[in-house]
Amino acid sequence: MSGYKSIDRIRTVTAGTFDRLVLKGEGPIVVEFMSYGCAHCGVIEPDLQQVAEMVESTETIFRVNIALDRELADAYEVQGTPTLVMFLNGAVVGREEGPSPDVSNLLAVVSQPYAS
């Protein structure tokens, strides 16, 4: 996991915990479908960590490692990484494939589906 921060604000979910933490989770939830072998995932990681810190009082950000949980990637039709999928009360409310590695852009992407 070189290149990834030691303080990880994004928890990993698996096929075994996805239903409980994401689909039955409360409030806005963002799931990053990623892979540690994905160069672009490594590039956006520091900015996504910063966004996770900025939104932690209102939104939760999780990650799914598609190399380990391919069935989740297939269920959400993830074609490439990183892909961010936004959930609210278990329903998909937004999606962004290959977001730009920029804090302001990522903040907009993960917050826009929840703006009233």
N, C-alpha and C. Protein backbone atom coordinates (compact mmCIF):
# COMPACT_ATOMS: atom_id res chain seq x y z
N MET A 1 0.82 -1.19 0.00
CA MET A 1 0.00 0.00 0.00
C MET A 1 0.86 1.25 0.00
N SER A 2 1.95 1.24 -0.65
CA SER A 2 2.79 2.42 -0.68
C SER A 2 2.05 3.55 -1.38
N GLY A 3 2.29 4.77 -0.90
CA GLY A 3 1.61 5.91 -1.46
C GLY A 3 0.31 6.24 -0.75
N TYR A 4 -0.15 5.36 0.12
CA TYR A 4 -1.39 5.60 0.84
C TYR A 4 -1.06 6.09 2.23
N LYS A 5 -1.84 7.04 2.72
CA LYS A 5 -1.61 7.64 4.03
C LYS A 5 -1.77 6.61 5.13
N SER A 6 -1.00 6.80 6.20
CA SER A 6 -1.10 5.88 7.32
C SER A 6 -2.37 6.15 8.14
N ILE A 7 -2.86 7.40 8.16
CA ILE A 7 -4.13 7.70 8.82
C ILE A 7 -5.21 7.55 7.77
N ASP A 8 -5.94 6.46 7.87
CA ASP A 8 -6.93 6.12 6.85
C ASP A 8 -8.32 6.51 7.34
N ARG A 9 -8.91 7.51 6.70
CA ARG A 9 -10.24 7.98 7.07
C ARG A 9 -11.32 7.27 6.29
N ILE A 10 -10.92 6.39 5.39
CA ILE A 10 -11.87 5.66 4.55
C ILE A 10 -11.81 4.19 4.94
N ARG A 11 -12.91 3.69 5.49
CA ARG A 11 -12.95 2.30 5.91
C ARG A 11 -13.25 1.38 4.73
N THR A 12 -12.65 0.22 4.76
CA THR A 12 -12.90 -0.77 3.72
C THR A 12 -14.13 -1.60 4.09
N VAL A 13 -15.02 -1.78 3.12
CA VAL A 13 -16.15 -2.68 3.28
C VAL A 13 -15.95 -3.85 2.34
N THR A 14 -16.51 -4.97 2.71
CA THR A 14 -16.40 -6.20 1.92
C THR A 14 -17.80 -6.70 1.59
N ALA A 15 -17.86 -7.75 0.83
CA ALA A 15 -19.15 -8.35 0.52
C ALA A 15 -19.88 -8.73 1.80
N GLY A 16 -19.14 -9.12 2.83
CA GLY A 16 -19.75 -9.52 4.09
C GLY A 16 -20.27 -8.37 4.94
N THR A 17 -19.76 -7.15 4.72
CA THR A 17 -20.18 -6.01 5.54
C THR A 17 -20.93 -4.94 4.74
N PHE A 18 -20.98 -5.08 3.42
CA PHE A 18 -21.57 -4.05 2.55
C PHE A 18 -23.05 -3.80 2.88
N ASP A 19 -23.81 -4.86 3.02
CA ASP A 19 -25.25 -4.72 3.27
C ASP A 19 -25.49 -3.94 4.56
N ARG A 20 -24.82 -4.32 5.63
CA ARG A 20 -25.02 -3.69 6.94
C ARG A 20 -24.52 -2.25 6.96
N LEU A 21 -23.33 -2.00 6.41
CA LEU A 21 -22.72 -0.67 6.52
C LEU A 21 -23.18 0.32 5.44
N VAL A 22 -23.47 -0.18 4.25
CA VAL A 22 -23.83 0.71 3.15
C VAL A 22 -25.33 0.71 2.89
N LEU A 23 -25.88 -0.44 2.58
CA LEU A 23 -27.30 -0.50 2.20
C LEU A 23 -28.23 -0.23 3.36
N LYS A 24 -27.83 -0.58 4.56
CA LYS A 24 -28.65 -0.30 5.75
C LYS A 24 -28.07 0.84 6.59
N GLY A 25 -27.03 1.49 6.08
CA GLY A 25 -26.40 2.60 6.78
C GLY A 25 -27.29 3.83 6.76
N GLU A 26 -27.05 4.71 7.71
CA GLU A 26 -27.84 5.93 7.80
C GLU A 26 -27.09 7.10 7.19
N GLY A 27 -27.84 7.98 6.55
CA GLY A 27 -27.27 9.19 5.99
C GLY A 27 -26.55 8.94 4.67
N PRO A 28 -25.95 9.99 4.15
CA PRO A 28 -25.23 9.89 2.89
C PRO A 28 -23.98 9.01 3.02
N ILE A 29 -23.83 8.10 2.08
CA ILE A 29 -22.69 7.19 2.08
C ILE A 29 -22.09 7.16 0.68
N VAL A 30 -20.77 7.31 0.62
CA VAL A 30 -20.04 7.25 -0.65
C VAL A 30 -19.18 6.00 -0.62
N VAL A 31 -19.19 5.24 -1.71
CA VAL A 31 -18.34 4.06 -1.81
C VAL A 31 -17.39 4.24 -2.99
N GLU A 32 -16.10 4.15 -2.68
CA GLU A 32 -15.09 4.20 -3.73
C GLU A 32 -14.76 2.76 -4.12
N PHE A 33 -15.05 2.40 -5.35
CA PHE A 33 -14.65 1.10 -5.89
C PHE A 33 -13.26 1.32 -6.46
N MET A 34 -12.27 0.62 -5.91
CA MET A 34 -10.87 0.87 -6.26
C MET A 34 -10.08 -0.43 -6.25
N SER A 35 -8.81 -0.29 -6.60
CA SER A 35 -7.86 -1.40 -6.55
C SER A 35 -6.50 -0.82 -6.22
N TYR A 36 -5.74 -1.51 -5.40
CA TYR A 36 -4.42 -1.01 -5.03
C TYR A 36 -3.45 -1.04 -6.20
N GLY A 37 -3.76 -1.77 -7.26
CA GLY A 37 -2.93 -1.79 -8.45
C GLY A 37 -3.28 -0.69 -9.45
N CYS A 38 -4.31 0.08 -9.14
CA CYS A 38 -4.80 1.13 -10.03
C CYS A 38 -4.02 2.42 -9.78
N ALA A 39 -3.29 2.89 -10.80
CA ALA A 39 -2.47 4.09 -10.66
C ALA A 39 -3.33 5.32 -10.35
N HIS A 40 -4.46 5.46 -11.04
CA HIS A 40 -5.32 6.63 -10.83
C HIS A 40 -5.91 6.62 -9.41
N CYS A 41 -6.20 5.42 -8.87
CA CYS A 41 -6.70 5.31 -7.50
C CYS A 41 -5.66 5.85 -6.52
N GLY A 42 -4.40 5.53 -6.76
CA GLY A 42 -3.33 6.03 -5.91
C GLY A 42 -3.18 7.54 -6.00
N VAL A 43 -3.42 8.09 -7.19
CA VAL A 43 -3.30 9.53 -7.39
C VAL A 43 -4.40 10.28 -6.64
N ILE A 44 -5.64 9.78 -6.67
CA ILE A 44 -6.72 10.51 -5.99
C ILE A 44 -6.79 10.23 -4.50
N GLU A 45 -6.09 9.19 -4.04
CA GLU A 45 -6.19 8.79 -2.63
C GLU A 45 -5.93 9.93 -1.63
N PRO A 46 -4.85 10.68 -1.73
CA PRO A 46 -4.62 11.75 -0.75
C PRO A 46 -5.75 12.79 -0.73
N ASP A 47 -6.25 13.15 -1.91
CA ASP A 47 -7.34 14.12 -1.99
C ASP A 47 -8.64 13.54 -1.45
N LEU A 48 -8.90 12.27 -1.73
CA LEU A 48 -10.11 11.64 -1.22
C LEU A 48 -10.05 11.50 0.30
N GLN A 49 -8.86 11.25 0.84
CA GLN A 49 -8.69 11.21 2.29
C GLN A 49 -9.01 12.58 2.89
N GLN A 50 -8.56 13.63 2.22
CA GLN A 50 -8.83 14.99 2.69
C GLN A 50 -10.33 15.29 2.64
N VAL A 51 -10.99 14.88 1.58
CA VAL A 51 -12.43 15.07 1.46
C VAL A 51 -13.15 14.28 2.55
N ALA A 52 -12.71 13.06 2.82
CA ALA A 52 -13.33 12.25 3.88
C ALA A 52 -13.26 12.97 5.22
N GLU A 53 -12.14 13.63 5.47
CA GLU A 53 -12.01 14.39 6.72
C GLU A 53 -12.96 15.59 6.72
N MET A 54 -13.12 16.24 5.58
CA MET A 54 -13.97 17.42 5.49
C MET A 54 -15.45 17.09 5.67
N VAL A 55 -15.89 15.92 5.22
CA VAL A 55 -17.32 15.58 5.23
C VAL A 55 -17.70 14.59 6.33
N GLU A 56 -16.74 14.20 7.18
CA GLU A 56 -17.01 13.12 8.12
C GLU A 56 -18.18 13.36 9.06
N SER A 57 -18.58 14.62 9.29
CA SER A 57 -19.72 14.86 10.17
C SER A 57 -21.06 14.66 9.45
N THR A 58 -21.06 14.66 8.12
CA THR A 58 -22.32 14.52 7.39
C THR A 58 -22.36 13.33 6.43
N GLU A 59 -21.21 12.86 5.97
CA GLU A 59 -21.16 11.76 5.02
C GLU A 59 -20.11 10.75 5.46
N THR A 60 -20.33 9.51 5.08
CA THR A 60 -19.37 8.46 5.35
C THR A 60 -18.81 7.97 4.02
N ILE A 61 -17.50 7.81 3.96
CA ILE A 61 -16.88 7.29 2.73
C ILE A 61 -16.25 5.94 3.05
N PHE A 62 -16.61 4.96 2.25
CA PHE A 62 -16.06 3.61 2.35
C PHE A 62 -15.33 3.30 1.06
N ARG A 63 -14.54 2.22 1.07
CA ARG A 63 -13.92 1.73 -0.16
C ARG A 63 -14.21 0.24 -0.31
N VAL A 64 -14.27 -0.18 -1.54
CA VAL A 64 -14.36 -1.60 -1.89
C VAL A 64 -13.17 -1.89 -2.79
N ASN A 65 -12.35 -2.84 -2.38
CA ASN A 65 -11.22 -3.28 -3.20
C ASN A 65 -11.77 -4.31 -4.19
N ILE A 66 -11.89 -3.91 -5.45
CA ILE A 66 -12.54 -4.80 -6.43
C ILE A 66 -11.72 -6.05 -6.72
N ALA A 67 -10.43 -6.02 -6.41
CA ALA A 67 -9.62 -7.23 -6.60
C ALA A 67 -10.05 -8.32 -5.63
N LEU A 68 -10.57 -7.92 -4.47
CA LEU A 68 -11.00 -8.88 -3.46
C LEU A 68 -12.51 -9.11 -3.48
N ASP A 69 -13.26 -8.12 -3.92
CA ASP A 69 -14.72 -8.21 -3.90
C ASP A 69 -15.30 -7.91 -5.28
N ARG A 70 -14.94 -8.75 -6.22
CA ARG A 70 -15.37 -8.57 -7.61
C ARG A 70 -16.89 -8.61 -7.75
N GLU A 71 -17.58 -9.40 -6.91
CA GLU A 71 -19.03 -9.51 -7.03
C GLU A 71 -19.72 -8.18 -6.74
N LEU A 72 -19.16 -7.38 -5.83
CA LEU A 72 -19.73 -6.05 -5.57
C LEU A 72 -19.51 -5.13 -6.77
N ALA A 73 -18.34 -5.20 -7.35
CA ALA A 73 -18.05 -4.39 -8.54
C ALA A 73 -19.01 -4.77 -9.67
N ASP A 74 -19.24 -6.06 -9.84
CA ASP A 74 -20.17 -6.52 -10.88
C ASP A 74 -21.60 -6.07 -10.58
N ALA A 75 -22.00 -6.16 -9.32
CA ALA A 75 -23.37 -5.78 -8.93
C ALA A 75 -23.64 -4.31 -9.22
N TYR A 76 -22.61 -3.47 -9.10
CA TYR A 76 -22.78 -2.04 -9.35
C TYR A 76 -22.19 -1.61 -10.69
N GLU A 77 -21.95 -2.58 -11.55
CA GLU A 77 -21.50 -2.37 -12.93
C GLU A 77 -20.30 -1.44 -13.02
N VAL A 78 -19.32 -1.70 -12.16
CA VAL A 78 -18.09 -0.92 -12.16
C VAL A 78 -17.21 -1.43 -13.29
N GLN A 79 -16.95 -0.56 -14.26
CA GLN A 79 -16.15 -0.93 -15.42
C GLN A 79 -14.69 -0.52 -15.27
N GLY A 80 -14.43 0.51 -14.46
CA GLY A 80 -13.08 1.01 -14.26
C GLY A 80 -12.93 1.60 -12.88
N THR A 81 -11.69 1.74 -12.48
CA THR A 81 -11.44 2.31 -11.16
C THR A 81 -10.61 3.58 -11.31
N PRO A 82 -10.80 4.51 -10.40
CA PRO A 82 -11.78 4.49 -9.32
C PRO A 82 -13.17 4.88 -9.83
N THR A 83 -14.17 4.34 -9.19
CA THR A 83 -15.56 4.73 -9.41
C THR A 83 -16.16 5.05 -8.06
N LEU A 84 -16.77 6.21 -7.94
CA LEU A 84 -17.45 6.59 -6.71
C LEU A 84 -18.95 6.42 -6.92
N VAL A 85 -19.60 5.73 -5.98
CA VAL A 85 -21.04 5.55 -6.03
C VAL A 85 -21.61 6.12 -4.74
N MET A 86 -22.57 7.03 -4.87
CA MET A 86 -23.18 7.67 -3.73
C MET A 86 -24.53 7.02 -3.41
N PHE A 87 -24.73 6.72 -2.12
CA PHE A 87 -25.94 6.06 -1.64
C PHE A 87 -26.65 6.95 -0.63
N LEU A 88 -27.96 6.86 -0.59
CA LEU A 88 -28.76 7.49 0.45
C LEU A 88 -29.88 6.53 0.80
N ASN A 89 -29.91 6.11 2.05
CA ASN A 89 -30.90 5.14 2.52
C ASN A 89 -30.91 3.88 1.66
N GLY A 90 -29.73 3.42 1.28
CA GLY A 90 -29.59 2.18 0.53
C GLY A 90 -29.78 2.29 -0.97
N ALA A 91 -30.18 3.46 -1.46
CA ALA A 91 -30.41 3.65 -2.89
C ALA A 91 -29.26 4.44 -3.51
N VAL A 92 -28.88 4.08 -4.72
CA VAL A 92 -27.85 4.82 -5.45
C VAL A 92 -28.45 6.15 -5.89
N VAL A 93 -27.75 7.25 -5.54
CA VAL A 93 -28.23 8.58 -5.91
C VAL A 93 -27.23 9.35 -6.77
N GLY A 94 -26.06 8.75 -7.01
CA GLY A 94 -25.06 9.41 -7.84
C GLY A 94 -23.90 8.48 -8.14
N ARG A 95 -23.15 8.86 -9.16
CA ARG A 95 -22.03 8.02 -9.59
C ARG A 95 -21.04 8.86 -10.37
N GLU A 96 -19.76 8.60 -10.17
CA GLU A 96 -18.71 9.29 -10.93
C GLU A 96 -17.59 8.29 -11.22
N GLU A 97 -17.28 8.12 -12.48
CA GLU A 97 -16.20 7.22 -12.86
C GLU A 97 -14.96 8.04 -13.18
N GLY A 98 -13.83 7.64 -12.60
CA GLY A 98 -12.56 8.31 -12.86
C GLY A 98 -12.56 9.78 -12.53
N PRO A 99 -12.96 10.15 -11.29
CA PRO A 99 -13.00 11.57 -10.95
C PRO A 99 -11.62 12.21 -10.99
N SER A 100 -11.59 13.51 -11.23
CA SER A 100 -10.32 14.25 -11.25
C SER A 100 -9.69 14.27 -9.87
N PRO A 101 -8.38 14.11 -9.81
CA PRO A 101 -7.68 14.12 -8.52
C PRO A 101 -7.47 15.54 -8.01
N ASP A 102 -8.52 16.11 -7.47
CA ASP A 102 -8.50 17.48 -6.99
C ASP A 102 -9.51 17.57 -5.84
N VAL A 103 -9.11 18.15 -4.72
CA VAL A 103 -9.96 18.18 -3.53
C VAL A 103 -11.30 18.84 -3.83
N SER A 104 -11.30 20.01 -4.48
CA SER A 104 -12.56 20.71 -4.72
C SER A 104 -13.47 19.92 -5.65
N ASN A 105 -12.91 19.29 -6.67
CA ASN A 105 -13.71 18.47 -7.57
C ASN A 105 -14.28 17.26 -6.84
N LEU A 106 -13.46 16.57 -6.07
CA LEU A 106 -13.94 15.40 -5.34
C LEU A 106 -15.00 15.77 -4.32
N LEU A 107 -14.81 16.90 -3.65
CA LEU A 107 -15.81 17.36 -2.68
C LEU A 107 -17.15 17.62 -3.38
N ALA A 108 -17.11 18.24 -4.54
CA ALA A 108 -18.33 18.49 -5.30
C ALA A 108 -18.98 17.18 -5.73
N VAL A 109 -18.17 16.24 -6.20
CA VAL A 109 -18.70 14.95 -6.67
C VAL A 109 -19.40 14.20 -5.53
N VAL A 110 -18.77 14.14 -4.36
CA VAL A 110 -19.36 13.35 -3.28
C VAL A 110 -20.48 14.07 -2.56
N SER A 111 -20.56 15.39 -2.68
CA SER A 111 -21.60 16.14 -1.97
C SER A 111 -22.81 16.48 -2.83
N GLN A 112 -22.63 16.63 -4.12
CA GLN A 112 -23.69 17.09 -5.01
C GLN A 112 -24.97 16.25 -4.92
N PRO A 113 -24.90 14.91 -4.88
CA PRO A 113 -26.15 14.15 -4.83
C PRO A 113 -26.97 14.41 -3.56
N TYR A 114 -26.35 14.99 -2.53
CA TYR A 114 -27.05 15.21 -1.27
C TYR A 114 -27.45 16.65 -1.06
N ALA A 115 -27.12 17.53 -2.02
CA ALA A 115 -27.49 18.94 -1.91
C ALA A 115 -29.00 19.07 -2.06
N SER A 116 -29.56 19.93 -1.23
CA SER A 116 -31.03 20.10 -1.33
C SER A 116 -31.42 21.31 -2.11
